[in-house]
Amino acid sequence: MLFSTLSLTIEKHFCNDVLIDIAVFSDSENCGSDVYKQNKATKTDCCKDEIDIIEGLSEITINPNDDLDFVQQQVLIAYIYSYIHLFEDFQDELIPHQYYSPPILIEDIHVLNETYLI
């Protein structure tokens, strides 16, 4: 939106077909030398300025649903709905064995039977 409404003025300063300065938001600087200002043979001014104007939009019209048919609108709505619900937060972490207390260990059965996992 910002760049579509932005207008620019680009100023270029040439001396003897040589680009001397380009300015976008300010005035371009002159040659500063009298040698470039007058052509010795014809005694005419050889410097020239070119101004390029890039105009932005003055009015913006937004019609998001006019260019999509009914099927495309339905697919777009379904995609947005599924994408929004893809990243839901977990409110509470479910711990199924939170209140379970393990049995009291009287003897270590693996050591008693001498059964070891290797």
C-alpha atoms as a PDB file:
ATOM      1  CA  MET A   1       0.000   0.000   0.000  1.00  0.00           C
ATOM      2  CA  LEU A   2       2.794   2.406   0.903  1.00  0.00           C
ATOM      3  CA  PHE A   3       4.883   1.861  -2.223  1.00  0.00           C
ATOM      4  CA  SER A   4       1.911   1.934  -4.586  1.00  0.00           C
ATOM      5  CA  THR A   5       0.945   5.445  -3.417  1.00  0.00           C
ATOM      6  CA  LEU A   6       4.516   6.817  -3.289  1.00  0.00           C
ATOM      7  CA  SER A   7       5.422   9.471  -5.876  1.00  0.00           C
ATOM      8  CA  LEU A   8       9.044  10.156  -6.848  1.00  0.00           C
ATOM      9  CA  THR A   9      10.875  12.842  -8.797  1.00  0.00           C
ATOM     10  CA  ILE A  10      14.269  11.860 -10.219  1.00  0.00           C
ATOM     11  CA  GLU A  11      16.467  14.697 -11.465  1.00  0.00           C
ATOM     12  CA  LYS A  12      19.511  14.072 -13.691  1.00  0.00           C
ATOM     13  CA  HIS A  13      22.119  16.656 -14.667  1.00  0.00           C
ATOM     14  CA  PHE A  14      24.163  16.103 -17.854  1.00  0.00           C
ATOM     15  CA  CYS A  15      27.151  18.055 -19.160  1.00  0.00           C
ATOM     16  CA  ASN A  16      28.311  17.188 -22.692  1.00  0.00           C
ATOM     17  CA  ASP A  17      26.294  13.944 -22.559  1.00  0.00           C
ATOM     18  CA  VAL A  18      28.123  12.931 -19.363  1.00  0.00           C
ATOM     19  CA  LEU A  19      25.962  12.216 -16.330  1.00  0.00           C
ATOM     20  CA  ILE A  20      27.149  14.456 -13.492  1.00  0.00           C
ATOM     21  CA  ASP A  21      24.523  14.046 -10.751  1.00  0.00           C
ATOM     22  CA  ILE A  22      21.348  12.121  -9.927  1.00  0.00           C
ATOM     23  CA  ALA A  23      19.017  13.286  -7.160  1.00  0.00           C
ATOM     24  CA  VAL A  24      15.873  11.567  -5.934  1.00  0.00           C
ATOM     25  CA  PHE A  25      14.439  13.750  -3.154  1.00  0.00           C
ATOM     26  CA  SER A  26      16.496  16.945  -3.663  1.00  0.00           C
ATOM     27  CA  ASP A  27      17.716  19.176  -6.494  1.00  0.00           C
ATOM     28  CA  SER A  28      20.597  17.923  -8.605  1.00  0.00           C
ATOM     29  CA  GLU A  29      23.875  19.802  -8.399  1.00  0.00           C
ATOM     30  CA  ASN A  30      25.277  21.714 -11.358  1.00  0.00           C
ATOM     31  CA  CYS A  31      28.678  21.156 -12.917  1.00  0.00           C
ATOM     32  CA  GLY A  32      30.205  24.082 -11.056  1.00  0.00           C
ATOM     33  CA  SER A  33      32.689  24.719 -13.850  1.00  0.00           C
ATOM     34  CA  ASP A  34      32.389  27.347 -16.562  1.00  0.00           C
ATOM     35  CA  VAL A  35      34.291  25.067 -18.946  1.00  0.00           C
ATOM     36  CA  TYR A  36      31.324  22.703 -19.164  1.00  0.00           C
ATOM     37  CA  LYS A  37      28.742  25.465 -19.233  1.00  0.00           C
ATOM     38  CA  GLN A  38      29.562  26.846 -22.672  1.00  0.00           C
ATOM     39  CA  ASN A  39      30.680  24.980 -25.702  1.00  0.00           C
ATOM     40  CA  LYS A  40      33.714  26.853 -27.065  1.00  0.00           C
ATOM     41  CA  ALA A  41      32.869  26.298 -30.713  1.00  0.00           C
ATOM     42  CA  THR A  42      29.192  27.294 -30.645  1.00  0.00           C
ATOM     43  CA  LYS A  43      29.138  29.399 -27.467  1.00  0.00           C
ATOM     44  CA  THR A  44      25.925  27.652 -26.335  1.00  0.00           C
ATOM     45  CA  ASP A  45      24.980  26.060 -23.068  1.00  0.00           C
ATOM     46  CA  CYS A  46      25.915  22.359 -23.126  1.00  0.00           C
ATOM     47  CA  CYS A  47      24.415  21.381 -19.772  1.00  0.00           C
ATOM     48  CA  LYS A  48      20.926  19.945 -19.585  1.00  0.00           C
ATOM     49  CA  ASP A  49      18.623  18.682 -16.839  1.00  0.00           C
ATOM     50  CA  GLU A  50      16.232  15.766 -17.163  1.00  0.00           C
ATOM     51  CA  ILE A  51      13.370  15.268 -14.738  1.00  0.00           C
ATOM     52  CA  ASP A  52      11.580  11.902 -14.479  1.00  0.00           C
ATOM     53  CA  ILE A  53       8.345  11.893 -12.496  1.00  0.00           C
ATOM     54  CA  ILE A  54       6.960   8.609 -11.187  1.00  0.00           C
ATOM     55  CA  GLU A  55       3.444   9.156  -9.912  1.00  0.00           C
ATOM     56  CA  GLY A  56       1.788   6.813  -7.446  1.00  0.00           C
ATOM     57  CA  LEU A  57      -1.859   5.906  -7.193  1.00  0.00           C
ATOM     58  CA  SER A  58      -4.137   8.611  -5.845  1.00  0.00           C
ATOM     59  CA  GLU A  59      -7.059   6.323  -5.036  1.00  0.00           C
ATOM     60  CA  ILE A  60      -6.909   2.695  -3.990  1.00  0.00           C
ATOM     61  CA  THR A  61      -9.866   0.392  -4.483  1.00  0.00           C
ATOM     62  CA  ILE A  62      -9.823  -2.961  -2.729  1.00  0.00           C
ATOM     63  CA  ASN A  63     -12.263  -5.621  -3.915  1.00  0.00           C
ATOM     64  CA  PRO A  64     -10.867  -8.903  -2.576  1.00  0.00           C
ATOM     65  CA  ASN A  65     -13.889 -11.098  -3.328  1.00  0.00           C
ATOM     66  CA  ASP A  66     -14.788  -9.821  -6.801  1.00  0.00           C
ATOM     67  CA  ASP A  67     -12.044 -11.657  -8.646  1.00  0.00           C
ATOM     68  CA  LEU A  68     -12.551 -15.094  -7.038  1.00  0.00           C
ATOM     69  CA  ASP A  69     -15.406 -17.387  -7.941  1.00  0.00           C
ATOM     70  CA  PHE A  70     -17.384 -19.313  -5.329  1.00  0.00           C
ATOM     71  CA  VAL A  71     -15.245 -22.493  -5.387  1.00  0.00           C
ATOM     72  CA  GLN A  72     -12.003 -20.534  -5.019  1.00  0.00           C
ATOM     73  CA  GLN A  73     -13.473 -18.590  -2.089  1.00  0.00           C
ATOM     74  CA  GLN A  74     -14.467 -21.828  -0.355  1.00  0.00           C
ATOM     75  CA  VAL A  75     -10.981 -23.328  -0.842  1.00  0.00           C
ATOM     76  CA  LEU A  76      -9.365 -20.156   0.490  1.00  0.00           C
ATOM     77  CA  ILE A  77     -11.613 -20.106   3.563  1.00  0.00           C
ATOM     78  CA  ALA A  78     -10.936 -23.794   4.266  1.00  0.00           C
ATOM     79  CA  TYR A  79      -7.184 -23.282   3.913  1.00  0.00           C
ATOM     80  CA  ILE A  80      -7.159 -20.282   6.271  1.00  0.00           C
ATOM     81  CA  TYR A  81      -9.349 -22.091   8.801  1.00  0.00           C
ATOM     82  CA  SER A  82      -7.131 -25.195   8.822  1.00  0.00           C
ATOM     83  CA  TYR A  83      -3.940 -23.105   9.006  1.00  0.00           C
ATOM     84  CA  ILE A  84      -5.190 -21.065  11.986  1.00  0.00           C
ATOM     85  CA  HIS A  85      -6.166 -24.195  13.924  1.00  0.00           C
ATOM     86  CA  LEU A  86      -2.874 -25.899  13.107  1.00  0.00           C
ATOM     87  CA  PHE A  87      -1.000 -24.019  15.820  1.00  0.00           C
ATOM     88  CA  GLU A  88      -3.188 -24.387  18.901  1.00  0.00           C
ATOM     89  CA  ASP A  89      -1.653 -24.238  22.351  1.00  0.00           C
ATOM     90  CA  PHE A  90      -1.859 -27.034  24.863  1.00  0.00           C
ATOM     91  CA  GLN A  91      -3.564 -25.578  27.897  1.00  0.00           C
ATOM     92  CA  ASP A  92      -2.682 -28.270  30.402  1.00  0.00           C
ATOM     93  CA  GLU A  93      -0.177 -31.029  30.000  1.00  0.00           C
ATOM     94  CA  LEU A  94      -1.831 -34.338  30.722  1.00  0.00           C
ATOM     95  CA  ILE A  95       0.207 -36.556  33.064  1.00  0.00           C
ATOM     96  CA  PRO A  96      -1.582 -39.935  33.295  1.00  0.00           C
ATOM     97  CA  HIS A  97       0.477 -41.273  36.230  1.00  0.00           C
ATOM     98  CA  GLN A  98       0.531 -38.098  38.318  1.00  0.00           C
ATOM     99  CA  TYR A  99      -1.142 -39.582  41.411  1.00  0.00           C
ATOM    100  CA  TYR A 100       0.275 -43.105  41.081  1.00  0.00           C
ATOM    101  CA  SER A 101       2.677 -44.224  43.770  1.00  0.00           C
ATOM    102  CA  PRO A 102       4.965 -47.144  42.866  1.00  0.00           C
ATOM    103  CA  PRO A 103       4.837 -50.328  44.927  1.00  0.00           C
ATOM    104  CA  ILE A 104       7.236 -50.732  47.821  1.00  0.00           C
ATOM    105  CA  LEU A 105      10.307 -52.643  46.723  1.00  0.00           C
ATOM    106  CA  ILE A 106      11.086 -55.404  49.219  1.00  0.00           C
ATOM    107  CA  GLU A 107      13.723 -57.272  47.289  1.00  0.00           C
ATOM    108  CA  ASP A 108      15.298 -56.654  43.916  1.00  0.00           C
ATOM    109  CA  ILE A 109      13.911 -59.524  41.857  1.00  0.00           C
ATOM    110  CA  HIS A 110      16.472 -59.189  39.055  1.00  0.00           C
ATOM    111  CA  VAL A 111      19.380 -59.493  41.440  1.00  0.00           C
ATOM    112  CA  LEU A 112      17.645 -62.279  43.327  1.00  0.00           C
ATOM    113  CA  ASN A 113      17.225 -64.363  40.174  1.00  0.00           C
ATOM    114  CA  GLU A 114      20.497 -63.106  38.715  1.00  0.00           C
ATOM    115  CA  THR A 115      18.811 -61.962  35.520  1.00  0.00           C
ATOM    116  CA  TYR A 116      20.644 -59.106  33.824  1.00  0.00           C
ATOM    117  CA  LEU A 117      19.965 -57.390  30.556  1.00  0.00           C
ATOM    118  CA  ILE A 118      23.035 -56.983  28.415  1.00  0.00           C
END
